[in-house]
Amino acid sequence: MFVCVCHGITDKQIEQAVRENGVGNMRELKRGLNVGSSCGTCVQMAQNIIDSTIIDQSMFKDVG
Protein backbone atom coordinates (compact mmCIF):
# COMPACT_ATOMS: atom_id res chain seq x y z
CA MET A 1 0.00 0.00 0.00
CA PHE A 2 1.26 3.48 -0.80
CA VAL A 3 1.84 5.59 2.28
CA CYS A 4 3.58 8.59 0.71
CA VAL A 5 2.00 9.26 -2.66
CA CYS A 6 4.22 12.30 -3.28
CA HIS A 7 7.33 10.11 -3.32
CA GLY A 8 5.80 6.71 -4.15
CA ILE A 9 6.82 5.10 -0.84
CA THR A 10 5.01 1.98 0.35
CA ASP A 11 4.44 0.49 3.78
CA LYS A 12 6.84 -2.33 2.90
CA GLN A 13 9.63 0.15 2.14
CA ILE A 14 9.10 1.83 5.51
CA GLU A 15 9.11 -1.54 7.31
CA GLN A 16 12.32 -2.45 5.49
CA ALA A 17 13.95 0.85 6.50
CA VAL A 18 13.09 0.13 10.15
CA ARG A 19 14.31 -3.48 10.07
CA GLU A 20 17.42 -3.09 7.94
CA ASN A 21 18.54 0.50 8.56
CA GLY A 22 17.41 0.99 12.15
CA VAL A 23 15.03 3.84 11.35
CA GLY A 24 13.18 4.68 14.56
CA ASN A 25 11.46 8.02 13.98
CA MET A 26 10.12 10.34 11.30
CA ARG A 27 13.28 12.45 11.16
CA GLU A 28 15.34 9.40 10.19
CA LEU A 29 12.66 8.17 7.78
CA LYS A 30 12.48 11.58 6.10
CA ARG A 31 16.26 11.64 5.75
CA GLY A 32 16.34 8.15 4.24
CA LEU A 33 13.20 7.98 2.09
CA ASN A 34 11.92 11.59 1.89
CA VAL A 35 8.64 10.52 3.52
CA GLY A 36 6.73 13.50 4.89
CA SER A 37 8.85 16.08 3.11
CA SER A 38 6.17 17.37 0.72
CA CYS A 39 2.51 17.62 1.73
CA GLY A 40 2.80 15.84 5.11
CA THR A 41 -0.39 13.82 4.77
CA CYS A 42 1.52 10.57 5.24
CA VAL A 43 3.29 11.48 8.48
CA GLN A 44 0.83 9.89 10.94
CA MET A 45 0.51 6.64 8.98
CA ALA A 46 4.28 6.43 8.49
CA GLN A 47 4.86 6.91 12.23
CA ASN A 48 2.30 4.18 12.99
CA ILE A 49 4.17 1.79 10.67
CA ILE A 50 7.49 2.63 12.34
CA ASP A 51 5.97 2.02 15.78
CA SER A 52 4.25 -1.25 14.88
CA THR A 53 7.36 -2.59 13.13
CA ILE A 54 9.52 -1.81 16.17
CA ILE A 55 6.97 -3.51 18.45
CA ASP A 56 6.82 -6.57 16.16
CA GLN A 57 10.60 -6.86 16.19
CA SER A 58 10.88 -6.53 19.98
CA MET A 59 8.31 -9.29 20.51
CA PHE A 60 10.48 -11.79 18.66
CA LYS A 61 13.87 -10.96 20.15
CA ASP A 62 15.61 -13.64 22.16
CA VAL A 63 15.11 -12.70 25.79
CA GLY A 64 17.15 -15.56 27.22
PDB file of N, CA and C in Angstrom:
ATOM      1  N   MET A   1       0.835  -1.163   0.000  1.00  0.00           N
ATOM      2  CA  MET A   1       0.000   0.000   0.000  1.00  0.00           C
ATOM      3  C   MET A   1       0.893   1.244   0.000  1.00  0.00           C
ATOM      4  N   PHE A   2       0.515   2.225  -0.790  1.00  0.00           N
ATOM      5  CA  PHE A   2       1.262   3.477  -0.805  1.00  0.00           C
ATOM      6  C   PHE A   2       0.946   4.281   0.448  1.00  0.00           C
ATOM      7  N   VAL A   3       1.983   4.744   1.105  1.00  0.00           N
ATOM      8  CA  VAL A   3       1.837   5.594   2.285  1.00  0.00           C
ATOM      9  C   VAL A   3       2.111   7.030   1.887  1.00  0.00           C
ATOM     10  N   CYS A   4       3.210   7.256   1.181  1.00  0.00           N
ATOM     11  CA  CYS A   4       3.578   8.590   0.710  1.00  0.00           C
ATOM     12  C   CYS A   4       3.404   8.625  -0.807  1.00  0.00           C
ATOM     13  N   VAL A   5       2.308   9.195  -1.228  1.00  0.00           N
ATOM     14  CA  VAL A   5       2.000   9.261  -2.658  1.00  0.00           C
ATOM     15  C   VAL A   5       2.936  10.240  -3.360  1.00  0.00           C
ATOM     16  N   CYS A   6       3.338  11.289  -2.675  1.00  0.00           N
ATOM     17  CA  CYS A   6       4.219  12.295  -3.281  1.00  0.00           C
ATOM     18  C   CYS A   6       5.537  11.690  -3.754  1.00  0.00           C
ATOM     19  N   HIS A   7       6.043  10.712  -2.996  1.00  0.00           N
ATOM     20  CA  HIS A   7       7.335  10.108  -3.324  1.00  0.00           C
ATOM     21  C   HIS A   7       7.225   8.627  -3.682  1.00  0.00           C
ATOM     22  N   GLY A   8       6.011   8.097  -3.748  1.00  0.00           N
ATOM     23  CA  GLY A   8       5.798   6.713  -4.147  1.00  0.00           C
ATOM     24  C   GLY A   8       6.371   5.698  -3.164  1.00  0.00           C
ATOM     25  N   ILE A   9       6.245   5.974  -1.861  1.00  0.00           N
ATOM     26  CA  ILE A   9       6.815   5.099  -0.836  1.00  0.00           C
ATOM     27  C   ILE A   9       5.711   4.228  -0.255  1.00  0.00           C
ATOM     28  N   THR A  10       5.994   2.929  -0.159  1.00  0.00           N
ATOM     29  CA  THR A  10       5.010   1.977   0.351  1.00  0.00           C
ATOM     30  C   THR A  10       5.283   1.621   1.817  1.00  0.00           C
ATOM     31  N   ASP A  11       4.293   0.963   2.410  1.00  0.00           N
ATOM     32  CA  ASP A  11       4.444   0.493   3.785  1.00  0.00           C
ATOM     33  C   ASP A  11       5.585  -0.516   3.890  1.00  0.00           C
ATOM     34  N   LYS A  12       5.768  -1.328   2.886  1.00  0.00           N
ATOM     35  CA  LYS A  12       6.843  -2.329   2.897  1.00  0.00           C
ATOM     36  C   LYS A  12       8.219  -1.669   2.892  1.00  0.00           C
ATOM     37  N   GLN A  13       8.360  -0.570   2.169  1.00  0.00           N
ATOM     38  CA  GLN A  13       9.634   0.149   2.142  1.00  0.00           C
ATOM     39  C   GLN A  13       9.938   0.772   3.506  1.00  0.00           C
ATOM     40  N   ILE A  14       8.906   1.265   4.171  1.00  0.00           N
ATOM     41  CA  ILE A  14       9.097   1.832   5.510  1.00  0.00           C
ATOM     42  C   ILE A  14       9.478   0.731   6.490  1.00  0.00           C
ATOM     43  N   GLU A  15       8.776  -0.399   6.441  1.00  0.00           N
ATOM     44  CA  GLU A  15       9.112  -1.536   7.309  1.00  0.00           C
ATOM     45  C   GLU A  15      10.552  -1.984   7.077  1.00  0.00           C
ATOM     46  N   GLN A  16      10.955  -2.044   5.828  1.00  0.00           N
ATOM     47  CA  GLN A  16      12.318  -2.446   5.491  1.00  0.00           C
ATOM     48  C   GLN A  16      13.340  -1.456   6.050  1.00  0.00           C
ATOM     49  N   ALA A  17      13.042  -0.171   5.967  1.00  0.00           N
ATOM     50  CA  ALA A  17      13.949   0.848   6.503  1.00  0.00           C
ATOM     51  C   ALA A  17      14.110   0.691   8.011  1.00  0.00           C
ATOM     52  N   VAL A  18      13.027   0.336   8.697  1.00  0.00           N
ATOM     53  CA  VAL A  18      13.095   0.129  10.147  1.00  0.00           C
ATOM     54  C   VAL A  18      13.928  -1.112  10.460  1.00  0.00           C
ATOM     55  N   ARG A  19      13.630  -2.205   9.776  1.00  0.00           N
ATOM     56  CA  ARG A  19      14.314  -3.480  10.067  1.00  0.00           C
ATOM     57  C   ARG A  19      15.782  -3.469   9.661  1.00  0.00           C
ATOM     58  N   GLU A  20      16.073  -2.962   8.481  1.00  0.00           N
ATOM     59  CA  GLU A  20      17.424  -3.090   7.938  1.00  0.00           C
ATOM     60  C   GLU A  20      18.330  -1.889   8.227  1.00  0.00           C
ATOM     61  N   ASN A  21      17.728  -0.709   8.379  1.00  0.00           N
ATOM     62  CA  ASN A  21      18.535   0.495   8.557  1.00  0.00           C
ATOM     63  C   ASN A  21      18.394   1.113   9.945  1.00  0.00           C
ATOM     64  N   GLY A  22      17.568   0.494  10.792  1.00  0.00           N
ATOM     65  CA  GLY A  22      17.413   0.985  12.154  1.00  0.00           C
ATOM     66  C   GLY A  22      16.647   2.283  12.286  1.00  0.00           C
ATOM     67  N   VAL A  23      15.841   2.627  11.281  1.00  0.00           N
ATOM     68  CA  VAL A  23      15.035   3.842  11.351  1.00  0.00           C
ATOM     69  C   VAL A  23      14.067   3.718  12.529  1.00  0.00           C
ATOM     70  N   GLY A  24      14.028   4.751  13.378  1.00  0.00           N
ATOM     71  CA  GLY A  24      13.182   4.678  14.561  1.00  0.00           C
ATOM     72  C   GLY A  24      12.272   5.873  14.755  1.00  0.00           C
ATOM     73  N   ASN A  25      12.339   6.844  13.852  1.00  0.00           N
ATOM     74  CA  ASN A  25      11.465   8.019  13.977  1.00  0.00           C
ATOM     75  C   ASN A  25      11.305   8.691  12.612  1.00  0.00           C
ATOM     76  N   MET A  26      10.419   9.674  12.568  1.00  0.00           N
ATOM     77  CA  MET A  26      10.118  10.340  11.303  1.00  0.00           C
ATOM     78  C   MET A  26      11.309  11.127  10.764  1.00  0.00           C
ATOM     79  N   ARG A  27      12.112  11.695  11.628  1.00  0.00           N
ATOM     80  CA  ARG A  27      13.279  12.451  11.160  1.00  0.00           C
ATOM     81  C   ARG A  27      14.205  11.538  10.353  1.00  0.00           C
ATOM     82  N   GLU A  28      14.466  10.352  10.882  1.00  0.00           N
ATOM     83  CA  GLU A  28      15.336   9.399  10.185  1.00  0.00           C
ATOM     84  C   GLU A  28      14.685   8.885   8.909  1.00  0.00           C
ATOM     85  N   LEU A  29      13.371   8.652   8.958  1.00  0.00           N
ATOM     86  CA  LEU A  29      12.658   8.172   7.775  1.00  0.00           C
ATOM     87  C   LEU A  29      12.664   9.238   6.680  1.00  0.00           C
ATOM     88  N   LYS A  30      12.455  10.474   7.068  1.00  0.00           N
ATOM     89  CA  LYS A  30      12.479  11.579   6.097  1.00  0.00           C
ATOM     90  C   LYS A  30      13.854  11.697   5.455  1.00  0.00           C
ATOM     91  N   ARG A  31      14.892  11.554   6.264  1.00  0.00           N
ATOM     92  CA  ARG A  31      16.261  11.639   5.748  1.00  0.00           C
ATOM     93  C   ARG A  31      16.538  10.501   4.760  1.00  0.00           C
ATOM     94  N   GLY A  32      16.035   9.306   5.071  1.00  0.00           N
ATOM     95  CA  GLY A  32      16.335   8.151   4.238  1.00  0.00           C
ATOM     96  C   GLY A  32      15.449   7.994   3.016  1.00  0.00           C
ATOM     97  N   LEU A  33      14.142   8.242   3.175  1.00  0.00           N
ATOM     98  CA  LEU A  33      13.199   7.977   2.086  1.00  0.00           C
ATOM     99  C   LEU A  33      12.420   9.203   1.612  1.00  0.00           C
ATOM    100  N   ASN A  34      12.632  10.351   2.240  1.00  0.00           N
ATOM    101  CA  ASN A  34      11.920  11.588   1.888  1.00  0.00           C
ATOM    102  C   ASN A  34      10.451  11.577   2.298  1.00  0.00           C
ATOM    103  N   VAL A  35      10.041  10.602   3.091  1.00  0.00           N
ATOM    104  CA  VAL A  35       8.645  10.518   3.521  1.00  0.00           C
ATOM    105  C   VAL A  35       8.307  11.719   4.390  1.00  0.00           C
ATOM    106  N   GLY A  36       7.189  12.368   4.106  1.00  0.00           N
ATOM    107  CA  GLY A  36       6.732  13.500   4.895  1.00  0.00           C
ATOM    108  C   GLY A  36       7.382  14.819   4.540  1.00  0.00           C
ATOM    109  N   SER A  37       8.129  14.854   3.454  1.00  0.00           N
ATOM    110  CA  SER A  37       8.849  16.084   3.111  1.00  0.00           C
ATOM    111  C   SER A  37       8.085  16.986   2.140  1.00  0.00           C
ATOM    112  N   SER A  38       6.942  16.527   1.653  1.00  0.00           N
ATOM    113  CA  SER A  38       6.170  17.366   0.720  1.00  0.00           C
ATOM    114  C   SER A  38       4.887  17.860   1.377  1.00  0.00           C
ATOM    115  N   CYS A  39       3.804  17.132   1.221  1.00  0.00           N
ATOM    116  CA  CYS A  39       2.515  17.622   1.731  1.00  0.00           C
ATOM    117  C   CYS A  39       2.283  17.280   3.196  1.00  0.00           C
ATOM    118  N   GLY A  40       2.920  16.207   3.697  1.00  0.00           N
ATOM    119  CA  GLY A  40       2.801  15.843   5.105  1.00  0.00           C
ATOM    120  C   GLY A  40       1.621  14.964   5.460  1.00  0.00           C
ATOM    121  N   THR A  41       0.784  14.641   4.504  1.00  0.00           N
ATOM    122  CA  THR A  41      -0.390  13.825   4.773  1.00  0.00           C
ATOM    123  C   THR A  41      -0.032  12.435   5.288  1.00  0.00           C
ATOM    124  N   CYS A  42       1.113  11.936   4.921  1.00  0.00           N
ATOM    125  CA  CYS A  42       1.523  10.569   5.242  1.00  0.00           C
ATOM    126  C   CYS A  42       2.179  10.423   6.615  1.00  0.00           C
ATOM    127  N   VAL A  43       2.465  11.515   7.282  1.00  0.00           N
ATOM    128  CA  VAL A  43       3.292  11.475   8.484  1.00  0.00           C
ATOM    129  C   VAL A  43       2.712  10.563   9.571  1.00  0.00           C
ATOM    130  N   GLN A  44       1.431  10.695   9.871  1.00  0.00           N
ATOM    131  CA  GLN A  44       0.830   9.892  10.939  1.00  0.00           C
ATOM    132  C   GLN A  44       0.856   8.406  10.603  1.00  0.00           C
ATOM    133  N   MET A  45       0.501   8.050   9.369  1.00  0.00           N
ATOM    134  CA  MET A  45       0.507   6.645   8.980  1.00  0.00           C
ATOM    135  C   MET A  45       1.927   6.094   8.985  1.00  0.00           C
ATOM    136  N   ALA A  46       2.882   6.861   8.500  1.00  0.00           N
ATOM    137  CA  ALA A  46       4.279   6.427   8.487  1.00  0.00           C
ATOM    138  C   ALA A  46       4.779   6.191   9.909  1.00  0.00           C
ATOM    139  N   GLN A  47       4.443   7.074  10.840  1.00  0.00           N
ATOM    140  CA  GLN A  47       4.857   6.907  12.232  1.00  0.00           C
ATOM    141  C   GLN A  47       4.225   5.656  12.834  1.00  0.00           C
ATOM    142  N   ASN A  48       2.969   5.390  12.505  1.00  0.00           N
ATOM    143  CA  ASN A  48       2.303   4.178  12.989  1.00  0.00           C
ATOM    144  C   ASN A  48       3.008   2.922  12.478  1.00  0.00           C
ATOM    145  N   ILE A  49       3.456   2.949  11.241  1.00  0.00           N
ATOM    146  CA  ILE A  49       4.166   1.794  10.667  1.00  0.00           C
ATOM    147  C   ILE A  49       5.518   1.620  11.363  1.00  0.00           C
ATOM    148  N   ILE A  50       6.219   2.712  11.599  1.00  0.00           N
ATOM    149  CA  ILE A  50       7.489   2.629  12.335  1.00  0.00           C
ATOM    150  C   ILE A  50       7.243   1.992  13.700  1.00  0.00           C
ATOM    151  N   ASP A  51       6.267   2.512  14.428  1.00  0.00           N
ATOM    152  CA  ASP A  51       5.975   2.024  15.780  1.00  0.00           C
ATOM    153  C   ASP A  51       5.597   0.548  15.780  1.00  0.00           C
ATOM    154  N   SER A  52       4.700   0.143  14.888  1.00  0.00           N
ATOM    155  CA  SER A  52       4.255  -1.250  14.879  1.00  0.00           C
ATOM    156  C   SER A  52       5.367  -2.195  14.440  1.00  0.00           C
ATOM    157  N   THR A  53       6.241  -1.751  13.564  1.00  0.00           N
ATOM    158  CA  THR A  53       7.362  -2.586  13.126  1.00  0.00           C
ATOM    159  C   THR A  53       8.355  -2.771  14.271  1.00  0.00           C
ATOM    160  N   ILE A  54       8.614  -1.716  15.018  1.00  0.00           N
ATOM    161  CA  ILE A  54       9.517  -1.813  16.169  1.00  0.00           C
ATOM    162  C   ILE A  54       8.926  -2.746  17.213  1.00  0.00           C
ATOM    163  N   ILE A  55       7.625  -2.637  17.474  1.00  0.00           N
ATOM    164  CA  ILE A  55       6.967  -3.512  18.451  1.00  0.00           C
ATOM    165  C   ILE A  55       7.029  -4.955  17.987  1.00  0.00           C
ATOM    166  N   ASP A  56       6.751  -5.205  16.702  1.00  0.00           N
ATOM    167  CA  ASP A  56       6.816  -6.572  16.163  1.00  0.00           C
ATOM    168  C   ASP A  56       8.202  -7.157  16.337  1.00  0.00           C
ATOM    169  N   GLN A  57       9.230  -6.371  16.065  1.00  0.00           N
ATOM    170  CA  GLN A  57      10.604  -6.857  16.195  1.00  0.00           C
ATOM    171  C   GLN A  57      10.929  -7.175  17.637  1.00  0.00           C
ATOM    172  N   SER A  58      10.516  -6.332  18.572  1.00  0.00           N
ATOM    173  CA  SER A  58      10.881  -6.533  19.976  1.00  0.00           C
ATOM    174  C   SER A  58      10.177  -7.752  20.550  1.00  0.00           C
ATOM    175  N   MET A  59       9.043  -8.119  20.012  1.00  0.00           N
ATOM    176  CA  MET A  59       8.315  -9.288  20.515  1.00  0.00           C
ATOM    177  C   MET A  59       9.036 -10.591  20.163  1.00  0.00           C
ATOM    178  N   PHE A  60       9.842 -10.568  19.120  1.00  0.00           N
ATOM    179  CA  PHE A  60      10.479 -11.790  18.655  1.00  0.00           C
ATOM    180  C   PHE A  60      11.963 -11.866  18.984  1.00  0.00           C
ATOM    181  N   LYS A  61      12.469 -10.916  19.758  1.00  0.00           N
ATOM    182  CA  LYS A  61      13.869 -10.963  20.149  1.00  0.00           C
ATOM    183  C   LYS A  61      14.074 -12.044  21.198  1.00  0.00           C
ATOM    184  N   ASP A  62      15.250 -12.619  21.178  1.00  0.00           N
ATOM    185  CA  ASP A  62      15.608 -13.636  22.158  1.00  0.00           C
ATOM    186  C   ASP A  62      15.825 -12.972  23.502  1.00  0.00           C
ATOM    187  N   VAL A  63      15.003 -13.306  24.472  1.00  0.00           N
ATOM    188  CA  VAL A  63      15.114 -12.698  25.792  1.00  0.00           C
ATOM    189  C   VAL A  63      15.956 -13.521  26.748  1.00  0.00           C
ATOM    190  N   GLY A  64      16.398 -14.694  26.330  1.00  0.00           N
ATOM    191  CA  GLY A  64      17.146 -15.561  27.223  1.00  0.00           C
ATOM    192  C   GLY A  64      18.557 -15.546  26.912  1.00  0.00           C
TER     193      GLY A  64
END
